[in-house]
Amino acid sequence: MLEGLDDVRAELDEVDRRIVEALVDRDRIVKEVALRKADLSGGQVRDPEREEALLTRLVSICQQAGLDGFYVT
């Protein structure tokens, strides 16, 4: 095996673990937002305008970081 490959793979595994933890946190928060919106709006949870603005902002953040916007869409 290539020298140091195991170390790089271990680093990648750690990044993957942090991504999953962040997604778990995000999912928890999204569920809380949905519950609060449902209570306030009589069941209407989706907000297409906000979703579009969010995706636009995330794609821009990706591009500024040198990543393809594909990662967030």
C-alpha atoms as a PDB file:
ATOM      1  CA  MET A   1       0.000   0.000   0.000  1.00  0.00           C
ATOM      2  CA  LEU A   2       1.124   3.564  -0.586  1.00  0.00           C
ATOM      3  CA  GLU A   3       3.068   5.121   2.264  1.00  0.00           C
ATOM      4  CA  GLY A   4       0.831   7.148   4.567  1.00  0.00           C
ATOM      5  CA  LEU A   5      -2.374   6.090   2.820  1.00  0.00           C
ATOM      6  CA  ASP A   6      -3.849   4.662   6.024  1.00  0.00           C
ATOM      7  CA  ASP A   7      -3.282   7.986   7.788  1.00  0.00           C
ATOM      8  CA  VAL A   8      -5.034   9.915   5.036  1.00  0.00           C
ATOM      9  CA  ARG A   9      -7.914   7.433   5.046  1.00  0.00           C
ATOM     10  CA  ALA A  10      -8.232   7.792   8.822  1.00  0.00           C
ATOM     11  CA  GLU A  11      -8.411  11.561   8.378  1.00  0.00           C
ATOM     12  CA  LEU A  12     -11.120  11.131   5.759  1.00  0.00           C
ATOM     13  CA  ASP A  13     -13.034   8.791   8.084  1.00  0.00           C
ATOM     14  CA  GLU A  14     -12.960  11.500  10.762  1.00  0.00           C
ATOM     15  CA  VAL A  15     -14.295  14.111   8.330  1.00  0.00           C
ATOM     16  CA  ASP A  16     -17.072  11.703   7.319  1.00  0.00           C
ATOM     17  CA  ARG A  17     -17.970  11.167  10.998  1.00  0.00           C
ATOM     18  CA  ARG A  18     -18.214  14.933  11.541  1.00  0.00           C
ATOM     19  CA  ILE A  19     -20.398  15.308   8.442  1.00  0.00           C
ATOM     20  CA  VAL A  20     -22.797  12.667   9.758  1.00  0.00           C
ATOM     21  CA  GLU A  21     -22.897  14.351  13.186  1.00  0.00           C
ATOM     22  CA  ALA A  22     -23.684  17.688  11.523  1.00  0.00           C
ATOM     23  CA  LEU A  23     -26.457  16.070   9.474  1.00  0.00           C
ATOM     24  CA  VAL A  24     -27.953  14.541  12.618  1.00  0.00           C
ATOM     25  CA  ASP A  25     -27.934  17.969  14.281  1.00  0.00           C
ATOM     26  CA  ARG A  26     -29.469  19.559  11.188  1.00  0.00           C
ATOM     27  CA  ASP A  27     -32.198  16.934  10.990  1.00  0.00           C
ATOM     28  CA  ARG A  28     -33.106  17.519  14.638  1.00  0.00           C
ATOM     29  CA  ILE A  29     -33.368  21.267  14.056  1.00  0.00           C
ATOM     30  CA  VAL A  30     -35.375  20.837  10.834  1.00  0.00           C
ATOM     31  CA  LYS A  31     -37.890  18.680  12.702  1.00  0.00           C
ATOM     32  CA  GLU A  32     -38.225  21.351  15.396  1.00  0.00           C
ATOM     33  CA  VAL A  33     -38.758  24.067  12.778  1.00  0.00           C
ATOM     34  CA  ALA A  34     -41.401  21.915  11.066  1.00  0.00           C
ATOM     35  CA  LEU A  35     -43.257  21.374  14.346  1.00  0.00           C
ATOM     36  CA  ARG A  36     -43.276  25.084  15.140  1.00  0.00           C
ATOM     37  CA  LYS A  37     -44.325  26.061  11.612  1.00  0.00           C
ATOM     38  CA  ALA A  38     -47.126  23.508  11.630  1.00  0.00           C
ATOM     39  CA  ASP A  39     -48.440  24.955  14.900  1.00  0.00           C
ATOM     40  CA  LEU A  40     -48.280  28.529  13.617  1.00  0.00           C
ATOM     41  CA  SER A  41     -49.542  28.011  10.091  1.00  0.00           C
ATOM     42  CA  GLY A  42     -52.166  25.342  10.533  1.00  0.00           C
ATOM     43  CA  GLY A  43     -50.107  22.625   8.891  1.00  0.00           C
ATOM     44  CA  GLN A  44     -48.311  24.510   6.095  1.00  0.00           C
ATOM     45  CA  VAL A  45     -44.638  23.600   6.537  1.00  0.00           C
ATOM     46  CA  ARG A  46     -42.959  24.066   3.147  1.00  0.00           C
ATOM     47  CA  ASP A  47     -41.802  27.493   2.056  1.00  0.00           C
ATOM     48  CA  PRO A  48     -40.607  27.230  -1.561  1.00  0.00           C
ATOM     49  CA  GLU A  49     -39.220  30.779  -1.620  1.00  0.00           C
ATOM     50  CA  ARG A  50     -37.129  30.162   1.495  1.00  0.00           C
ATOM     51  CA  GLU A  51     -35.976  26.788   0.137  1.00  0.00           C
ATOM     52  CA  GLU A  52     -34.833  28.418  -3.113  1.00  0.00           C
ATOM     53  CA  ALA A  53     -33.018  31.192  -1.241  1.00  0.00           C
ATOM     54  CA  LEU A  54     -31.331  28.619   0.998  1.00  0.00           C
ATOM     55  CA  LEU A  55     -30.129  26.528  -1.939  1.00  0.00           C
ATOM     56  CA  THR A  56     -28.866  29.629  -3.743  1.00  0.00           C
ATOM     57  CA  ARG A  57     -26.948  30.711  -0.639  1.00  0.00           C
ATOM     58  CA  LEU A  58     -25.459  27.226  -0.101  1.00  0.00           C
ATOM     59  CA  VAL A  59     -24.390  26.894  -3.746  1.00  0.00           C
ATOM     60  CA  SER A  60     -22.689  30.292  -3.449  1.00  0.00           C
ATOM     61  CA  ILE A  61     -20.880  29.210  -0.277  1.00  0.00           C
ATOM     62  CA  CYS A  62     -19.708  26.038  -2.035  1.00  0.00           C
ATOM     63  CA  GLN A  63     -18.472  27.939  -5.048  1.00  0.00           C
ATOM     64  CA  GLN A  64     -16.588  30.430  -2.867  1.00  0.00           C
ATOM     65  CA  ALA A  65     -14.921  27.466  -1.151  1.00  0.00           C
ATOM     66  CA  GLY A  66     -13.953  25.968  -4.502  1.00  0.00           C
ATOM     67  CA  LEU A  67     -16.556  23.188  -4.476  1.00  0.00           C
ATOM     68  CA  ASP A  68     -19.190  22.329  -7.028  1.00  0.00           C
ATOM     69  CA  GLY A  69     -22.700  23.365  -5.948  1.00  0.00           C
ATOM     70  CA  PHE A  70     -23.690  19.747  -6.565  1.00  0.00           C
ATOM     71  CA  TYR A  71     -22.633  18.987  -2.982  1.00  0.00           C
ATOM     72  CA  VAL A  72     -25.611  20.869  -1.556  1.00  0.00           C
ATOM     73  CA  THR A  73     -28.320  20.262  -4.129  1.00  0.00           C
END
